[in-house]
Amino acid sequence: MPCVQISHVTKRFGEDLVLKEVNLDLNYGQVYGIVGNNGSGKTVLMKCICGFLPATTGTIHVSGKQIGKDTDFPESLGVIIETPGFLTQYTGMKNLEILANMRRLISKADIRLILRKVGLDPDMKKPVGKYSLGMRQRLGIAQAIMEDPRLLILDEPFNGLDKHGVAEIRELLLELKAAGKTILLASHNEEDIRILCDHVYEMDGGILKERTG
């Protein structure tokens, strides 16, 4: 069974048809890229998979459960969509501790390990409000992966990262793929897509087509 099965999904906002009969299967241990201009429907599709927006018609199944019917949100999901929101008065470590306490799946030691993995110091006293854009992005990636989700939905995960940071996060995503995770990412950078993705889809006017060649 695929990790994600999207069947005949459309999404309307009033008269505006943003997704048009989207069909897509995402398998475990694969990285899928979506490219397309702003407003093409990429982020809306990602939000539908996550359960943040209901599809107008069609179905989305994640790990065999229909989103909006069997469950409101996928159970094992890590996500970055738009700018990650954090409590700016607290450190990165404290922010992740607060989030981890909601489900109690990981320990403080796990969080420290994840922060180091994305290139952040778990002992840094600087509050998130004083982080650079790249540091916030690293913290967002740490938050997305910290509970070891089976599915990662990443909308422009390299925003704000310098060349060194991009190389580090690419390597991390390839490690996660090798561990059997399913990764769906959107990026405007063709090099990210080329290096990371097993399959590439183009979104244009709400229509999703696999890129060939």
C-alpha atoms as a PDB file:
ATOM      1  CA  MET A   1       0.000   0.000   0.000  1.00  0.00           C
ATOM      2  CA  PRO A   2       1.335   3.479  -0.830  1.00  0.00           C
ATOM      3  CA  CYS A   3       1.941   5.890   2.046  1.00  0.00           C
ATOM      4  CA  VAL A   4      -0.347   8.455   0.380  1.00  0.00           C
ATOM      5  CA  GLN A   5      -3.124   7.863  -2.158  1.00  0.00           C
ATOM      6  CA  ILE A   6      -4.734  10.934  -3.739  1.00  0.00           C
ATOM      7  CA  SER A   7      -7.731  10.133  -5.960  1.00  0.00           C
ATOM      8  CA  HIS A   8      -9.623  12.620  -8.148  1.00  0.00           C
ATOM      9  CA  VAL A   9      -9.076  15.502  -5.731  1.00  0.00           C
ATOM     10  CA  THR A  10     -10.441  18.923  -6.532  1.00  0.00           C
ATOM     11  CA  LYS A  11     -10.417  22.030  -4.354  1.00  0.00           C
ATOM     12  CA  ARG A  12     -12.613  25.090  -4.809  1.00  0.00           C
ATOM     13  CA  PHE A  13     -12.542  28.434  -3.074  1.00  0.00           C
ATOM     14  CA  GLY A  14     -15.892  29.867  -4.144  1.00  0.00           C
ATOM     15  CA  GLU A  15     -15.834  29.998  -7.939  1.00  0.00           C
ATOM     16  CA  ASP A  16     -12.083  29.472  -8.087  1.00  0.00           C
ATOM     17  CA  LEU A  17     -11.031  25.893  -8.917  1.00  0.00           C
ATOM     18  CA  VAL A  18      -7.521  25.586  -7.439  1.00  0.00           C
ATOM     19  CA  LEU A  19      -6.968  21.815  -7.772  1.00  0.00           C
ATOM     20  CA  LYS A  20      -8.290  19.938 -10.812  1.00  0.00           C
ATOM     21  CA  GLU A  21      -8.678  16.148 -10.622  1.00  0.00           C
ATOM     22  CA  VAL A  22      -5.362  15.470  -8.900  1.00  0.00           C
ATOM     23  CA  ASN A  23      -4.270  11.817  -8.739  1.00  0.00           C
ATOM     24  CA  LEU A  24      -1.024  10.844  -7.032  1.00  0.00           C
ATOM     25  CA  ASP A  25       0.436   7.893  -5.095  1.00  0.00           C
ATOM     26  CA  LEU A  26       3.436   8.406  -2.804  1.00  0.00           C
ATOM     27  CA  ASN A  27       5.412   5.292  -1.867  1.00  0.00           C
ATOM     28  CA  TYR A  28       7.599   4.687   1.182  1.00  0.00           C
ATOM     29  CA  GLY A  29      11.318   5.386   0.817  1.00  0.00           C
ATOM     30  CA  GLN A  30      10.817   7.823  -2.071  1.00  0.00           C
ATOM     31  CA  VAL A  31      11.220  11.589  -2.483  1.00  0.00           C
ATOM     32  CA  TYR A  32       8.656  13.406  -4.633  1.00  0.00           C
ATOM     33  CA  GLY A  33       9.138  16.943  -5.891  1.00  0.00           C
ATOM     34  CA  ILE A  34       6.466  19.412  -6.979  1.00  0.00           C
ATOM     35  CA  VAL A  35       7.492  22.408  -9.050  1.00  0.00           C
ATOM     36  CA  GLY A  36       5.314  25.242 -10.273  1.00  0.00           C
ATOM     37  CA  ASN A  37       4.767  28.965 -10.086  1.00  0.00           C
ATOM     38  CA  ASN A  38       3.331  30.689  -7.023  1.00  0.00           C
ATOM     39  CA  GLY A  39      -0.439  30.244  -7.037  1.00  0.00           C
ATOM     40  CA  SER A  40      -0.282  27.030  -9.096  1.00  0.00           C
ATOM     41  CA  GLY A  41      -1.845  24.948  -6.294  1.00  0.00           C
ATOM     42  CA  LYS A  42       1.230  23.263  -4.736  1.00  0.00           C
ATOM     43  CA  THR A  43       0.691  24.566  -1.202  1.00  0.00           C
ATOM     44  CA  VAL A  44      -3.066  23.952  -1.343  1.00  0.00           C
ATOM     45  CA  LEU A  45      -2.436  20.298  -2.275  1.00  0.00           C
ATOM     46  CA  MET A  46       0.014  19.943   0.608  1.00  0.00           C
ATOM     47  CA  LYS A  47      -2.496  21.445   3.043  1.00  0.00           C
ATOM     48  CA  CYS A  48      -5.162  19.004   1.826  1.00  0.00           C
ATOM     49  CA  ILE A  49      -2.843  16.024   2.424  1.00  0.00           C
ATOM     50  CA  CYS A  50      -2.136  17.315   5.953  1.00  0.00           C
ATOM     51  CA  GLY A  51      -5.839  17.773   6.701  1.00  0.00           C
ATOM     52  CA  PHE A  52      -5.488  21.550   7.086  1.00  0.00           C
ATOM     53  CA  LEU A  53      -7.912  22.079   4.176  1.00  0.00           C
ATOM     54  CA  PRO A  54     -10.743  19.724   3.163  1.00  0.00           C
ATOM     55  CA  ALA A  55     -10.805  18.536  -0.440  1.00  0.00           C
ATOM     56  CA  THR A  56     -13.950  19.629  -2.296  1.00  0.00           C
ATOM     57  CA  THR A  57     -14.229  16.283  -4.091  1.00  0.00           C
ATOM     58  CA  GLY A  58     -12.116  13.138  -4.202  1.00  0.00           C
ATOM     59  CA  THR A  59     -10.278  11.287  -1.443  1.00  0.00           C
ATOM     60  CA  ILE A  60      -6.892  11.387   0.263  1.00  0.00           C
ATOM     61  CA  HIS A  61      -5.673   8.343   2.194  1.00  0.00           C
ATOM     62  CA  VAL A  62      -2.533   8.402   4.365  1.00  0.00           C
ATOM     63  CA  SER A  63      -1.353   5.025   5.690  1.00  0.00           C
ATOM     64  CA  GLY A  64      -4.721   3.585   4.678  1.00  0.00           C
ATOM     65  CA  LYS A  65      -6.844   6.140   6.562  1.00  0.00           C
ATOM     66  CA  GLN A  66      -9.032   8.638   4.734  1.00  0.00           C
ATOM     67  CA  ILE A  67      -8.325  12.230   5.736  1.00  0.00           C
ATOM     68  CA  GLY A  68     -11.480  13.964   6.949  1.00  0.00           C
ATOM     69  CA  LYS A  69     -13.316  10.669   7.474  1.00  0.00           C
ATOM     70  CA  ASP A  70     -11.188   8.127   9.371  1.00  0.00           C
ATOM     71  CA  THR A  71      -8.919  10.821  10.821  1.00  0.00           C
ATOM     72  CA  ASP A  72      -8.634  14.609  10.725  1.00  0.00           C
ATOM     73  CA  PHE A  73      -4.846  14.619  10.424  1.00  0.00           C
ATOM     74  CA  PRO A  74      -2.287  11.971   9.442  1.00  0.00           C
ATOM     75  CA  GLU A  75      -0.915  10.254  12.547  1.00  0.00           C
ATOM     76  CA  SER A  76       2.761  10.155  11.571  1.00  0.00           C
ATOM     77  CA  LEU A  77       3.426  13.435   9.796  1.00  0.00           C
ATOM     78  CA  GLY A  78       6.140  16.081   9.855  1.00  0.00           C
ATOM     79  CA  VAL A  79       5.366  19.309   8.053  1.00  0.00           C
ATOM     80  CA  ILE A  80       6.759  22.675   7.045  1.00  0.00           C
ATOM     81  CA  ILE A  81       4.232  24.821   5.225  1.00  0.00           C
ATOM     82  CA  GLU A  82       4.991  28.545   5.038  1.00  0.00           C
ATOM     83  CA  THR A  83       7.025  30.075   7.885  1.00  0.00           C
ATOM     84  CA  PRO A  84       7.141  27.778  10.938  1.00  0.00           C
ATOM     85  CA  GLY A  85       5.489  29.444  13.951  1.00  0.00           C
ATOM     86  CA  PHE A  86       7.351  29.417  17.275  1.00  0.00           C
ATOM     87  CA  LEU A  87       7.098  31.151  20.636  1.00  0.00           C
ATOM     88  CA  THR A  88       9.634  33.899  20.024  1.00  0.00           C
ATOM     89  CA  GLN A  89      10.455  34.588  23.693  1.00  0.00           C
ATOM     90  CA  TYR A  90      11.777  31.040  24.243  1.00  0.00           C
ATOM     91  CA  THR A  91      14.866  29.218  23.008  1.00  0.00           C
ATOM     92  CA  GLY A  92      14.688  26.654  20.224  1.00  0.00           C
ATOM     93  CA  MET A  93      15.164  23.853  22.741  1.00  0.00           C
ATOM     94  CA  LYS A  94      12.304  25.145  24.909  1.00  0.00           C
ATOM     95  CA  ASN A  95       9.999  25.461  21.880  1.00  0.00           C
ATOM     96  CA  LEU A  96      10.591  21.859  20.884  1.00  0.00           C
ATOM     97  CA  GLU A  97      10.152  20.669  24.475  1.00  0.00           C
ATOM     98  CA  ILE A  98       6.739  22.382  24.627  1.00  0.00           C
ATOM     99  CA  LEU A  99       5.677  20.737  21.348  1.00  0.00           C
ATOM    100  CA  ALA A 100       7.043  17.331  22.403  1.00  0.00           C
ATOM    101  CA  ASN A 101       5.064  17.458  25.669  1.00  0.00           C
ATOM    102  CA  MET A 102       1.798  17.350  23.695  1.00  0.00           C
ATOM    103  CA  ARG A 103       2.339  13.747  22.576  1.00  0.00           C
ATOM    104  CA  ARG A 104       5.184  12.595  24.833  1.00  0.00           C
ATOM    105  CA  LEU A 105       6.798  10.448  22.146  1.00  0.00           C
ATOM    106  CA  ILE A 106      10.368  11.711  22.585  1.00  0.00           C
ATOM    107  CA  SER A 107      12.731  12.684  25.392  1.00  0.00           C
ATOM    108  CA  LYS A 108      14.819  15.821  25.995  1.00  0.00           C
ATOM    109  CA  ALA A 109      17.853  13.803  24.914  1.00  0.00           C
ATOM    110  CA  ASP A 110      16.107  13.043  21.594  1.00  0.00           C
ATOM    111  CA  ILE A 111      15.404  16.753  21.060  1.00  0.00           C
ATOM    112  CA  ARG A 112      19.028  17.675  21.758  1.00  0.00           C
ATOM    113  CA  LEU A 113      20.155  15.098  19.210  1.00  0.00           C
ATOM    114  CA  ILE A 114      17.747  16.409  16.553  1.00  0.00           C
ATOM    115  CA  LEU A 115      18.841  20.016  17.098  1.00  0.00           C
ATOM    116  CA  ARG A 116      22.462  19.017  16.565  1.00  0.00           C
ATOM    117  CA  LYS A 117      21.449  17.063  13.460  1.00  0.00           C
ATOM    118  CA  VAL A 118      20.033  20.237  11.848  1.00  0.00           C
ATOM    119  CA  GLY A 119      23.054  22.320  12.884  1.00  0.00           C
ATOM    120  CA  LEU A 120      21.695  24.098  15.983  1.00  0.00           C
ATOM    121  CA  ASP A 121      23.194  24.147  19.489  1.00  0.00           C
ATOM    122  CA  PRO A 122      20.660  22.797  22.027  1.00  0.00           C
ATOM    123  CA  ASP A 123      22.334  24.872  24.770  1.00  0.00           C
ATOM    124  CA  MET A 124      22.072  28.180  22.895  1.00  0.00           C
ATOM    125  CA  LYS A 125      20.345  30.780  25.100  1.00  0.00           C
ATOM    126  CA  LYS A 126      19.256  33.067  22.235  1.00  0.00           C
ATOM    127  CA  PRO A 127      15.437  33.327  21.988  1.00  0.00           C
ATOM    128  CA  VAL A 128      13.856  32.333  18.674  1.00  0.00           C
ATOM    129  CA  GLY A 129      12.786  35.958  18.143  1.00  0.00           C
ATOM    130  CA  LYS A 130      16.470  36.787  17.569  1.00  0.00           C
ATOM    131  CA  TYR A 131      17.132  33.882  15.203  1.00  0.00           C
ATOM    132  CA  SER A 132      18.112  34.540  11.592  1.00  0.00           C
ATOM    133  CA  LEU A 133      15.769  33.244   8.873  1.00  0.00           C
ATOM    134  CA  GLY A 134      18.122  30.315   8.278  1.00  0.00           C
ATOM    135  CA  MET A 135      18.186  29.384  11.973  1.00  0.00           C
ATOM    136  CA  ARG A 136      14.381  29.476  12.104  1.00  0.00           C
ATOM    137  CA  GLN A 137      14.261  27.226   9.061  1.00  0.00           C
ATOM    138  CA  ARG A 138      16.635  24.739  10.713  1.00  0.00           C
ATOM    139  CA  LEU A 139      14.425  24.776  13.826  1.00  0.00           C
ATOM    140  CA  GLY A 140      11.364  24.186  11.646  1.00  0.00           C
ATOM    141  CA  ILE A 141      13.037  21.162  10.063  1.00  0.00           C
ATOM    142  CA  ALA A 142      13.969  19.872  13.531  1.00  0.00           C
ATOM    143  CA  GLN A 143      10.337  20.219  14.628  1.00  0.00           C
ATOM    144  CA  ALA A 144       9.129  18.398  11.481  1.00  0.00           C
ATOM    145  CA  ILE A 145      11.419  15.388  11.918  1.00  0.00           C
ATOM    146  CA  MET A 146      11.793  15.125  15.702  1.00  0.00           C
ATOM    147  CA  GLU A 147       9.056  12.520  16.304  1.00  0.00           C
ATOM    148  CA  ASP A 148      10.364  10.271  13.489  1.00  0.00           C
ATOM    149  CA  PRO A 149       7.307  10.610  11.201  1.00  0.00           C
ATOM    150  CA  ARG A 150       6.711   8.248   8.286  1.00  0.00           C
ATOM    151  CA  LEU A 151       5.600  11.139   6.033  1.00  0.00           C
ATOM    152  CA  LEU A 152       7.257  14.541   5.550  1.00  0.00           C
ATOM    153  CA  ILE A 153       5.519  17.403   3.715  1.00  0.00           C
ATOM    154  CA  LEU A 154       8.045  20.180   3.103  1.00  0.00           C
ATOM    155  CA  ASP A 155       7.084  23.412   1.313  1.00  0.00           C
ATOM    156  CA  GLU A 156      10.292  25.273   0.357  1.00  0.00           C
ATOM    157  CA  PRO A 157      12.379  23.657   3.151  1.00  0.00           C
ATOM    158  CA  PHE A 158      15.595  25.416   2.068  1.00  0.00           C
ATOM    159  CA  ASN A 159      14.312  28.997   2.441  1.00  0.00           C
ATOM    160  CA  GLY A 160      16.834  31.216   4.196  1.00  0.00           C
ATOM    161  CA  LEU A 161      19.608  28.607   4.272  1.00  0.00           C
ATOM    162  CA  ASP A 162      23.106  29.401   3.008  1.00  0.00           C
ATOM    163  CA  LYS A 163      24.968  26.985   0.701  1.00  0.00           C
ATOM    164  CA  HIS A 164      26.421  25.062   3.645  1.00  0.00           C
ATOM    165  CA  GLY A 165      22.994  24.776   5.279  1.00  0.00           C
ATOM    166  CA  VAL A 166      21.374  23.603   2.046  1.00  0.00           C
ATOM    167  CA  ALA A 167      24.013  20.881   1.652  1.00  0.00           C
ATOM    168  CA  GLU A 168      23.511  19.725   5.266  1.00  0.00           C
ATOM    169  CA  ILE A 169      19.708  19.533   4.982  1.00  0.00           C
ATOM    170  CA  ARG A 170      19.875  17.766   1.616  1.00  0.00           C
ATOM    171  CA  GLU A 171      22.103  15.118   3.209  1.00  0.00           C
ATOM    172  CA  LEU A 172      19.672  14.789   6.121  1.00  0.00           C
ATOM    173  CA  LEU A 173      16.697  14.304   3.774  1.00  0.00           C
ATOM    174  CA  LEU A 174      18.564  11.609   1.845  1.00  0.00           C
ATOM    175  CA  GLU A 175      19.259   9.844   5.163  1.00  0.00           C
ATOM    176  CA  LEU A 176      15.536   9.972   5.978  1.00  0.00           C
ATOM    177  CA  LYS A 177      14.686   8.576   2.541  1.00  0.00           C
ATOM    178  CA  ALA A 178      17.153   5.711   3.116  1.00  0.00           C
ATOM    179  CA  ALA A 179      15.353   5.020   6.412  1.00  0.00           C
ATOM    180  CA  GLY A 180      12.110   4.458   4.460  1.00  0.00           C
ATOM    181  CA  LYS A 181      10.399   7.828   4.915  1.00  0.00           C
ATOM    182  CA  THR A 182       8.090   9.299   2.296  1.00  0.00           C
ATOM    183  CA  ILE A 183       9.011  12.900   1.454  1.00  0.00           C
ATOM    184  CA  LEU A 184       6.981  15.364  -0.613  1.00  0.00           C
ATOM    185  CA  LEU A 185       8.721  18.672  -1.179  1.00  0.00           C
ATOM    186  CA  ALA A 186       8.180  21.829  -3.171  1.00  0.00           C
ATOM    187  CA  SER A 187      11.190  23.893  -4.193  1.00  0.00           C
ATOM    188  CA  HIS A 188      11.926  26.647  -6.664  1.00  0.00           C
ATOM    189  CA  ASN A 189      15.514  25.419  -6.868  1.00  0.00           C
ATOM    190  CA  GLU A 190      15.999  22.937  -9.707  1.00  0.00           C
ATOM    191  CA  GLU A 191      19.212  21.638  -8.111  1.00  0.00           C
ATOM    192  CA  ASP A 192      17.325  20.622  -4.960  1.00  0.00           C
ATOM    193  CA  ILE A 193      14.813  18.777  -7.127  1.00  0.00           C
ATOM    194  CA  ARG A 194      17.504  17.103  -9.246  1.00  0.00           C
ATOM    195  CA  ILE A 195      19.585  15.904  -6.287  1.00  0.00           C
ATOM    196  CA  LEU A 196      16.780  14.762  -3.998  1.00  0.00           C
ATOM    197  CA  CYS A 197      13.776  13.607  -5.992  1.00  0.00           C
ATOM    198  CA  ASP A 198      12.952  10.204  -7.418  1.00  0.00           C
ATOM    199  CA  HIS A 199       9.847  11.605  -9.125  1.00  0.00           C
ATOM    200  CA  VAL A 200       9.076  15.179 -10.166  1.00  0.00           C
ATOM    201  CA  TYR A 201       5.628  16.613 -10.829  1.00  0.00           C
ATOM    202  CA  GLU A 202       4.699  19.963 -12.328  1.00  0.00           C
ATOM    203  CA  MET A 203       1.691  21.885 -11.044  1.00  0.00           C
ATOM    204  CA  ASP A 204       0.170  24.391 -13.449  1.00  0.00           C
ATOM    205  CA  GLY A 205      -3.221  25.974 -12.900  1.00  0.00           C
ATOM    206  CA  GLY A 206      -4.218  23.226 -10.470  1.00  0.00           C
ATOM    207  CA  ILE A 207      -3.318  20.392 -12.882  1.00  0.00           C
ATOM    208  CA  LEU A 208      -0.598  17.959 -11.714  1.00  0.00           C
ATOM    209  CA  LYS A 209       1.488  16.120 -14.302  1.00  0.00           C
ATOM    210  CA  GLU A 210       4.599  13.983 -13.883  1.00  0.00           C
ATOM    211  CA  ARG A 211       7.673  15.437 -15.523  1.00  0.00           C
ATOM    212  CA  THR A 212       9.264  13.067 -17.999  1.00  0.00           C
ATOM    213  CA  GLY A 213      12.786  13.147 -19.374  1.00  0.00           C
END
